[in-house]
Amino acid sequence: MKRGNGYEKCTEKWMHVFVCAGCAAAMIFAGCSGQKPLSDRFVEETVKKTAEEIIEIVHEGDYEKIIEEYESAKLVTVLTEEDLRNAVQPVMEELGEPEKIEKTVVRGTENPETKEKYATAVSIVSYENGKAQYTITFNQAMKMEGFYIK
C-alpha cells in the first residue's frame, strides 16, 4: 500500500539525513574505545558554548546560519541547509517550545586511522513536550563535523 502524504516524505528524508550524518560520525569514531579525555587542542568551555549556540540557533530556526558559520567542509557534502531544516523542523514542532539546556557534557574522540582529534558535546534540552539529546562533534577548527538530535 503506497501512501502519498508529506509526513512520510519528510520522515524518509529526515532519516536519510541523520543516517548520512550518523555514518560520517561513525567513520570518525570507528575503533574508538570508550570516552577519551578532551584533547589539549580544545577548550572545554568553548566546545560547550559553541554547541549551546548551535542549539539556540536551531530554536530560532536559522538553519542557514548553522550551515554558513559552523558546518565543516566535510559535512557540507552530506548536510545542506534544506536537509537540516527538513530533518529538524518536524522534531522541533513535536517537542514544542524550548525550556532550557539542562546539561552539556564534553568528551574527546579520535579518528583511529588519521589520529585526528575531535570534541563531542552532548546536551540534554528540555521542551514543553519532552526532552531531546543533541550530539554535536567539532573538528580542531571548531567546525561542526557531526550533528544528531534524538
N, C-alpha and C. Protein backbone atom coordinates (compact mmCIF):
# COMPACT_ATOMS: atom_id res chain seq x y z
N MET A 1 0.84 -1.17 0.00
CA MET A 1 0.00 0.00 0.00
C MET A 1 0.89 1.24 0.00
N LYS A 2 0.70 2.08 -0.95
CA LYS A 2 1.52 3.30 -1.07
C LYS A 2 0.75 4.49 -0.53
N ARG A 3 1.41 5.20 0.35
CA ARG A 3 0.80 6.42 0.89
C ARG A 3 1.53 7.60 0.29
N GLY A 4 0.81 8.66 0.06
CA GLY A 4 1.43 9.80 -0.60
C GLY A 4 1.43 11.06 0.23
N ASN A 5 1.39 10.92 1.55
CA ASN A 5 1.34 12.15 2.33
C ASN A 5 2.72 12.74 2.55
N GLY A 6 2.75 14.00 2.84
CA GLY A 6 4.01 14.73 3.01
C GLY A 6 4.77 14.30 4.24
N TYR A 7 4.08 13.79 5.27
CA TYR A 7 4.74 13.38 6.50
C TYR A 7 5.72 12.25 6.22
N GLU A 8 5.29 11.25 5.44
CA GLU A 8 6.17 10.12 5.12
C GLU A 8 7.39 10.60 4.35
N LYS A 9 7.19 11.51 3.40
CA LYS A 9 8.30 12.03 2.62
C LYS A 9 9.29 12.76 3.52
N CYS A 10 8.76 13.57 4.43
CA CYS A 10 9.61 14.31 5.36
C CYS A 10 10.34 13.36 6.29
N THR A 11 9.62 12.36 6.82
CA THR A 11 10.23 11.39 7.73
C THR A 11 11.32 10.61 7.00
N GLU A 12 11.06 10.21 5.77
CA GLU A 12 12.04 9.48 4.98
C GLU A 12 13.30 10.33 4.77
N LYS A 13 13.13 11.58 4.43
CA LYS A 13 14.26 12.48 4.20
C LYS A 13 15.02 12.71 5.50
N TRP A 14 14.27 12.88 6.59
CA TRP A 14 14.88 13.08 7.91
C TRP A 14 15.76 11.90 8.26
N MET A 15 15.25 10.72 8.06
CA MET A 15 16.03 9.52 8.36
C MET A 15 17.27 9.46 7.49
N HIS A 16 17.15 9.83 6.21
CA HIS A 16 18.29 9.81 5.29
C HIS A 16 19.38 10.77 5.76
N VAL A 17 18.98 11.97 6.16
CA VAL A 17 19.96 12.97 6.60
C VAL A 17 20.70 12.47 7.82
N PHE A 18 19.97 11.97 8.79
CA PHE A 18 20.63 11.56 10.02
C PHE A 18 21.40 10.25 9.85
N VAL A 19 20.96 9.42 8.94
CA VAL A 19 21.76 8.22 8.65
C VAL A 19 23.08 8.64 8.02
N CYS A 20 23.03 9.58 7.07
CA CYS A 20 24.27 10.06 6.44
C CYS A 20 25.17 10.73 7.47
N ALA A 21 24.60 11.60 8.29
CA ALA A 21 25.39 12.26 9.33
C ALA A 21 25.91 11.25 10.33
N GLY A 22 25.07 10.25 10.64
CA GLY A 22 25.49 9.20 11.56
C GLY A 22 26.62 8.37 10.99
N CYS A 23 26.55 8.08 9.69
CA CYS A 23 27.63 7.32 9.03
C CYS A 23 28.93 8.11 9.07
N ALA A 24 28.83 9.40 8.81
CA ALA A 24 30.04 10.23 8.86
C ALA A 24 30.62 10.23 10.26
N ALA A 25 29.76 10.36 11.26
CA ALA A 25 30.23 10.33 12.65
C ALA A 25 30.79 8.96 13.00
N ALA A 26 30.14 7.90 12.52
CA ALA A 26 30.62 6.54 12.81
C ALA A 26 32.00 6.33 12.22
N MET A 27 32.24 6.86 11.02
CA MET A 27 33.57 6.72 10.42
C MET A 27 34.60 7.46 11.25
N ILE A 28 34.22 8.61 11.77
CA ILE A 28 35.14 9.39 12.59
C ILE A 28 35.49 8.63 13.86
N PHE A 29 34.47 8.01 14.45
CA PHE A 29 34.68 7.40 15.76
C PHE A 29 34.90 5.89 15.71
N ALA A 30 34.98 5.32 14.52
CA ALA A 30 35.19 3.88 14.40
C ALA A 30 36.46 3.48 15.13
N GLY A 31 36.35 2.46 15.91
CA GLY A 31 37.52 1.97 16.61
C GLY A 31 37.82 2.69 17.91
N CYS A 32 37.09 3.73 18.21
CA CYS A 32 37.33 4.44 19.47
C CYS A 32 36.78 3.58 20.61
N SER A 33 37.55 3.44 21.63
CA SER A 33 37.07 2.64 22.76
C SER A 33 36.74 3.56 23.92
N GLY A 34 35.46 3.62 24.24
CA GLY A 34 35.03 4.39 25.38
C GLY A 34 35.24 5.88 25.22
N GLN A 35 35.07 6.56 26.31
CA GLN A 35 35.22 8.01 26.33
C GLN A 35 36.68 8.37 26.53
N LYS A 36 37.15 9.29 25.74
CA LYS A 36 38.53 9.74 25.84
C LYS A 36 38.56 11.14 26.44
N PRO A 37 39.66 11.47 27.09
CA PRO A 37 39.76 12.84 27.59
C PRO A 37 39.83 13.82 26.42
N LEU A 38 39.39 15.00 26.67
CA LEU A 38 39.41 16.05 25.66
C LEU A 38 40.85 16.41 25.33
N SER A 39 41.15 16.45 24.04
CA SER A 39 42.49 16.82 23.60
C SER A 39 42.83 18.23 24.07
N ASP A 40 44.10 18.47 24.32
CA ASP A 40 44.53 19.81 24.73
C ASP A 40 44.41 20.82 23.59
N ARG A 41 43.99 20.36 22.42
CA ARG A 41 43.76 21.25 21.28
C ARG A 41 42.39 21.93 21.36
N PHE A 42 41.60 21.54 22.37
CA PHE A 42 40.27 22.11 22.56
C PHE A 42 40.18 22.73 23.94
N VAL A 43 39.31 23.72 24.07
CA VAL A 43 38.99 24.31 25.37
C VAL A 43 37.55 23.87 25.68
N GLU A 44 37.38 23.15 26.77
CA GLU A 44 36.08 22.57 27.10
C GLU A 44 34.96 23.62 27.10
N GLU A 45 35.19 24.75 27.71
CA GLU A 45 34.15 25.79 27.77
C GLU A 45 33.79 26.31 26.38
N THR A 46 34.76 26.40 25.49
CA THR A 46 34.49 26.85 24.12
C THR A 46 33.63 25.83 23.39
N VAL A 47 33.92 24.54 23.58
CA VAL A 47 33.13 23.48 22.95
C VAL A 47 31.70 23.54 23.47
N LYS A 48 31.53 23.64 24.78
CA LYS A 48 30.19 23.73 25.38
C LYS A 48 29.43 24.95 24.84
N LYS A 49 30.09 26.09 24.87
CA LYS A 49 29.45 27.34 24.44
C LYS A 49 29.04 27.27 22.97
N THR A 50 29.91 26.72 22.12
CA THR A 50 29.60 26.63 20.69
C THR A 50 28.44 25.68 20.45
N ALA A 51 28.43 24.53 21.13
CA ALA A 51 27.32 23.59 20.99
C ALA A 51 26.01 24.24 21.42
N GLU A 52 26.04 24.95 22.53
CA GLU A 52 24.83 25.59 23.02
C GLU A 52 24.38 26.73 22.10
N GLU A 53 25.32 27.42 21.47
CA GLU A 53 24.97 28.45 20.48
C GLU A 53 24.24 27.81 19.30
N ILE A 54 24.74 26.67 18.84
CA ILE A 54 24.10 25.97 17.71
C ILE A 54 22.69 25.55 18.10
N ILE A 55 22.51 25.04 19.32
CA ILE A 55 21.18 24.63 19.77
C ILE A 55 20.24 25.84 19.80
N GLU A 56 20.71 26.97 20.27
CA GLU A 56 19.88 28.18 20.29
C GLU A 56 19.50 28.61 18.87
N ILE A 57 20.41 28.47 17.94
CA ILE A 57 20.13 28.83 16.55
C ILE A 57 19.10 27.86 15.96
N VAL A 58 19.18 26.59 16.34
CA VAL A 58 18.17 25.62 15.93
C VAL A 58 16.81 26.09 16.44
N HIS A 59 16.74 26.52 17.69
CA HIS A 59 15.48 27.01 18.26
C HIS A 59 14.94 28.22 17.50
N GLU A 60 15.83 29.05 16.99
CA GLU A 60 15.43 30.22 16.21
C GLU A 60 15.02 29.83 14.78
N GLY A 61 15.40 28.63 14.35
CA GLY A 61 15.08 28.18 13.00
C GLY A 61 15.98 28.75 11.93
N ASP A 62 17.16 29.25 12.30
CA ASP A 62 18.08 29.86 11.33
C ASP A 62 19.10 28.82 10.85
N TYR A 63 18.63 27.87 10.07
CA TYR A 63 19.46 26.76 9.60
C TYR A 63 20.56 27.23 8.66
N GLU A 64 20.30 28.30 7.92
CA GLU A 64 21.31 28.87 7.04
C GLU A 64 22.53 29.32 7.84
N LYS A 65 22.30 29.93 8.98
CA LYS A 65 23.39 30.41 9.82
C LYS A 65 24.22 29.23 10.33
N ILE A 66 23.56 28.15 10.70
CA ILE A 66 24.29 26.97 11.17
C ILE A 66 25.22 26.46 10.08
N ILE A 67 24.69 26.34 8.88
CA ILE A 67 25.48 25.83 7.76
C ILE A 67 26.63 26.78 7.44
N GLU A 68 26.34 28.07 7.35
CA GLU A 68 27.36 29.05 6.96
C GLU A 68 28.45 29.24 8.00
N GLU A 69 28.08 29.26 9.28
CA GLU A 69 29.05 29.61 10.32
C GLU A 69 29.69 28.42 11.01
N TYR A 70 29.01 27.28 11.04
CA TYR A 70 29.51 26.20 11.88
C TYR A 70 29.85 24.90 11.14
N GLU A 71 29.33 24.70 9.94
CA GLU A 71 29.50 23.41 9.29
C GLU A 71 30.88 23.27 8.66
N SER A 72 31.49 22.09 8.82
CA SER A 72 32.79 21.82 8.22
C SER A 72 32.65 21.52 6.74
N ALA A 73 33.75 21.59 6.04
CA ALA A 73 33.76 21.30 4.60
C ALA A 73 33.33 19.86 4.34
N LYS A 74 33.70 18.92 5.21
CA LYS A 74 33.31 17.52 5.04
C LYS A 74 31.80 17.34 5.18
N LEU A 75 31.22 17.99 6.18
CA LEU A 75 29.79 17.83 6.44
C LEU A 75 28.94 18.51 5.38
N VAL A 76 29.44 19.58 4.78
CA VAL A 76 28.71 20.29 3.72
C VAL A 76 28.33 19.35 2.59
N THR A 77 29.17 18.37 2.30
CA THR A 77 28.87 17.43 1.22
C THR A 77 27.73 16.49 1.57
N VAL A 78 27.39 16.37 2.86
CA VAL A 78 26.35 15.45 3.31
C VAL A 78 25.09 16.18 3.75
N LEU A 79 25.23 17.34 4.37
CA LEU A 79 24.12 18.01 5.02
C LEU A 79 23.96 19.44 4.50
N THR A 80 22.88 19.68 3.76
CA THR A 80 22.60 21.03 3.25
C THR A 80 21.63 21.74 4.20
N GLU A 81 21.47 23.04 3.98
CA GLU A 81 20.53 23.81 4.79
C GLU A 81 19.12 23.22 4.68
N GLU A 82 18.71 22.88 3.47
CA GLU A 82 17.37 22.31 3.26
C GLU A 82 17.22 20.98 3.98
N ASP A 83 18.25 20.13 3.89
CA ASP A 83 18.21 18.85 4.59
C ASP A 83 18.08 19.05 6.10
N LEU A 84 18.88 19.98 6.63
CA LEU A 84 18.84 20.25 8.06
C LEU A 84 17.46 20.75 8.48
N ARG A 85 16.92 21.69 7.72
CA ARG A 85 15.59 22.24 8.01
C ARG A 85 14.53 21.14 7.97
N ASN A 86 14.55 20.33 6.91
CA ASN A 86 13.54 19.27 6.76
C ASN A 86 13.66 18.20 7.83
N ALA A 87 14.85 18.00 8.34
CA ALA A 87 15.07 16.99 9.36
C ALA A 87 14.71 17.50 10.75
N VAL A 88 15.09 18.73 11.05
CA VAL A 88 14.96 19.25 12.41
C VAL A 88 13.60 19.87 12.68
N GLN A 89 13.04 20.58 11.72
CA GLN A 89 11.79 21.31 11.95
C GLN A 89 10.66 20.41 12.47
N PRO A 90 10.42 19.23 11.88
CA PRO A 90 9.34 18.38 12.42
C PRO A 90 9.60 17.92 13.87
N VAL A 91 10.86 17.70 14.19
CA VAL A 91 11.22 17.31 15.55
C VAL A 91 10.92 18.46 16.51
N MET A 92 11.29 19.69 16.11
CA MET A 92 11.04 20.86 16.95
C MET A 92 9.54 21.07 17.14
N GLU A 93 8.77 20.86 16.09
CA GLU A 93 7.32 21.03 16.20
C GLU A 93 6.73 20.03 17.19
N GLU A 94 7.23 18.80 17.18
CA GLU A 94 6.75 17.77 18.09
C GLU A 94 7.15 18.07 19.53
N LEU A 95 8.37 18.57 19.73
CA LEU A 95 8.86 18.84 21.08
C LEU A 95 8.22 20.08 21.70
N GLY A 96 7.80 21.02 20.87
CA GLY A 96 7.19 22.24 21.37
C GLY A 96 8.22 23.29 21.73
N GLU A 97 7.83 24.22 22.56
CA GLU A 97 8.69 25.34 22.93
C GLU A 97 9.87 24.87 23.78
N PRO A 98 11.08 25.39 23.47
CA PRO A 98 12.24 25.04 24.29
C PRO A 98 12.14 25.67 25.67
N GLU A 99 12.61 24.93 26.67
CA GLU A 99 12.61 25.47 28.02
C GLU A 99 14.03 25.83 28.46
N LYS A 100 14.92 24.83 28.50
CA LYS A 100 16.30 25.15 28.88
C LYS A 100 17.25 24.02 28.50
N ILE A 101 18.50 24.39 28.37
CA ILE A 101 19.56 23.40 28.18
C ILE A 101 19.92 22.96 29.59
N GLU A 102 19.63 21.71 29.89
CA GLU A 102 19.82 21.21 31.24
C GLU A 102 21.28 20.87 31.55
N LYS A 103 21.95 20.29 30.57
CA LYS A 103 23.30 19.81 30.84
C LYS A 103 24.04 19.62 29.52
N THR A 104 25.32 19.97 29.52
CA THR A 104 26.17 19.71 28.37
C THR A 104 27.46 19.07 28.88
N VAL A 105 27.79 17.92 28.30
CA VAL A 105 29.00 17.19 28.65
C VAL A 105 29.89 17.14 27.42
N VAL A 106 31.18 17.35 27.61
CA VAL A 106 32.13 17.35 26.50
C VAL A 106 33.09 16.18 26.67
N ARG A 107 33.39 15.51 25.56
CA ARG A 107 34.35 14.41 25.59
C ARG A 107 35.24 14.50 24.36
N GLY A 108 36.36 13.85 24.44
CA GLY A 108 37.28 13.81 23.31
C GLY A 108 37.10 12.54 22.52
N THR A 109 37.38 12.63 21.24
CA THR A 109 37.36 11.46 20.36
C THR A 109 38.52 11.58 19.38
N GLU A 110 38.81 10.48 18.73
CA GLU A 110 39.93 10.46 17.78
C GLU A 110 39.61 9.50 16.65
N ASN A 111 39.94 9.91 15.44
CA ASN A 111 39.81 9.02 14.30
C ASN A 111 41.01 8.06 14.38
N PRO A 112 40.76 6.77 14.52
CA PRO A 112 41.88 5.83 14.71
C PRO A 112 42.80 5.72 13.49
N GLU A 113 42.28 6.02 12.32
CA GLU A 113 43.09 5.91 11.10
C GLU A 113 43.98 7.13 10.89
N THR A 114 43.40 8.31 11.08
CA THR A 114 44.15 9.55 10.81
C THR A 114 44.73 10.17 12.08
N LYS A 115 44.26 9.69 13.23
CA LYS A 115 44.67 10.22 14.54
C LYS A 115 44.20 11.66 14.75
N GLU A 116 43.29 12.13 13.89
CA GLU A 116 42.74 13.48 14.04
C GLU A 116 41.87 13.53 15.29
N LYS A 117 42.01 14.59 16.05
CA LYS A 117 41.29 14.76 17.31
C LYS A 117 39.98 15.53 17.06
N TYR A 118 38.95 15.14 17.81
CA TYR A 118 37.65 15.78 17.75
C TYR A 118 37.14 16.01 19.16
N ALA A 119 36.18 16.92 19.28
CA ALA A 119 35.48 17.14 20.54
C ALA A 119 33.99 16.94 20.28
N THR A 120 33.33 16.22 21.18
CA THR A 120 31.90 15.99 21.05
C THR A 120 31.19 16.53 22.28
N ALA A 121 30.18 17.34 22.03
CA ALA A 121 29.34 17.87 23.11
C ALA A 121 27.99 17.17 23.05
N VAL A 122 27.56 16.67 24.19
CA VAL A 122 26.25 16.04 24.31
C VAL A 122 25.43 16.91 25.26
N SER A 123 24.33 17.44 24.73
CA SER A 123 23.48 18.35 25.51
C SER A 123 22.08 17.77 25.67
N ILE A 124 21.56 17.86 26.88
CA ILE A 124 20.18 17.48 27.15
C ILE A 124 19.38 18.77 27.26
N VAL A 125 18.31 18.85 26.44
CA VAL A 125 17.50 20.06 26.38
C VAL A 125 16.05 19.70 26.68
N SER A 126 15.43 20.46 27.58
CA SER A 126 14.02 20.21 27.90
C SER A 126 13.13 21.12 27.06
N TYR A 127 11.99 20.55 26.67
CA TYR A 127 10.98 21.23 25.88
C TYR A 127 9.63 21.04 26.56
N GLU A 128 8.64 21.77 26.12
CA GLU A 128 7.33 21.65 26.75
C GLU A 128 6.75 20.25 26.63
N ASN A 129 7.13 19.49 25.59
CA ASN A 129 6.57 18.15 25.38
C ASN A 129 7.59 17.03 25.58
N GLY A 130 8.72 17.31 26.20
CA GLY A 130 9.70 16.25 26.42
C GLY A 130 11.12 16.78 26.41
N LYS A 131 12.06 15.87 26.23
CA LYS A 131 13.48 16.22 26.20
C LYS A 131 14.10 15.72 24.91
N ALA A 132 15.21 16.36 24.56
CA ALA A 132 15.97 15.94 23.38
C ALA A 132 17.44 15.90 23.77
N GLN A 133 18.17 15.01 23.09
CA GLN A 133 19.61 14.93 23.27
C GLN A 133 20.27 15.34 21.96
N TYR A 134 21.11 16.36 22.04
CA TYR A 134 21.88 16.81 20.89
C TYR A 134 23.30 16.27 21.04
N THR A 135 23.83 15.73 19.97
CA THR A 135 25.23 15.30 19.95
C THR A 135 25.88 16.04 18.79
N ILE A 136 26.84 16.91 19.13
CA ILE A 136 27.48 17.75 18.13
C ILE A 136 28.99 17.54 18.22
N THR A 137 29.59 17.18 17.10
CA THR A 137 31.03 16.91 17.06
C THR A 137 31.73 18.02 16.29
N PHE A 138 32.88 18.43 16.83
CA PHE A 138 33.65 19.52 16.25
C PHE A 138 35.06 19.06 15.88
N ASN A 139 35.57 19.62 14.78
CA ASN A 139 36.97 19.39 14.44
C ASN A 139 37.82 20.44 15.15
N GLN A 140 39.12 20.41 14.93
CA GLN A 140 40.01 21.32 15.66
C GLN A 140 39.81 22.78 15.30
N ALA A 141 39.19 23.05 14.16
CA ALA A 141 38.88 24.44 13.77
C ALA A 141 37.54 24.89 14.36
N MET A 142 36.95 24.04 15.22
CA MET A 142 35.65 24.27 15.84
C MET A 142 34.53 24.39 14.80
N LYS A 143 34.66 23.61 13.74
CA LYS A 143 33.60 23.49 12.75
C LYS A 143 32.88 22.17 13.01
N MET A 144 31.58 22.17 12.80
CA MET A 144 30.75 21.01 13.08
C MET A 144 31.03 19.88 12.10
N GLU A 145 31.38 18.73 12.62
CA GLU A 145 31.63 17.53 11.81
C GLU A 145 30.45 16.56 11.88
N GLY A 146 29.66 16.69 12.92
CA GLY A 146 28.51 15.80 13.09
C GLY A 146 27.43 16.50 13.89
N PHE A 147 26.18 16.21 13.56
CA PHE A 147 25.03 16.78 14.26
C PHE A 147 23.95 15.73 14.34
N TYR A 148 23.50 15.45 15.55
CA TYR A 148 22.47 14.45 15.73
C TYR A 148 21.55 14.91 16.85
N ILE A 149 20.25 14.70 16.67
CA ILE A 149 19.28 15.02 17.71
C ILE A 149 18.34 13.83 17.83
N LYS A 150 18.10 13.44 19.07
CA LYS A 150 17.12 12.37 19.31
C LYS A 150 16.34 12.66 20.55
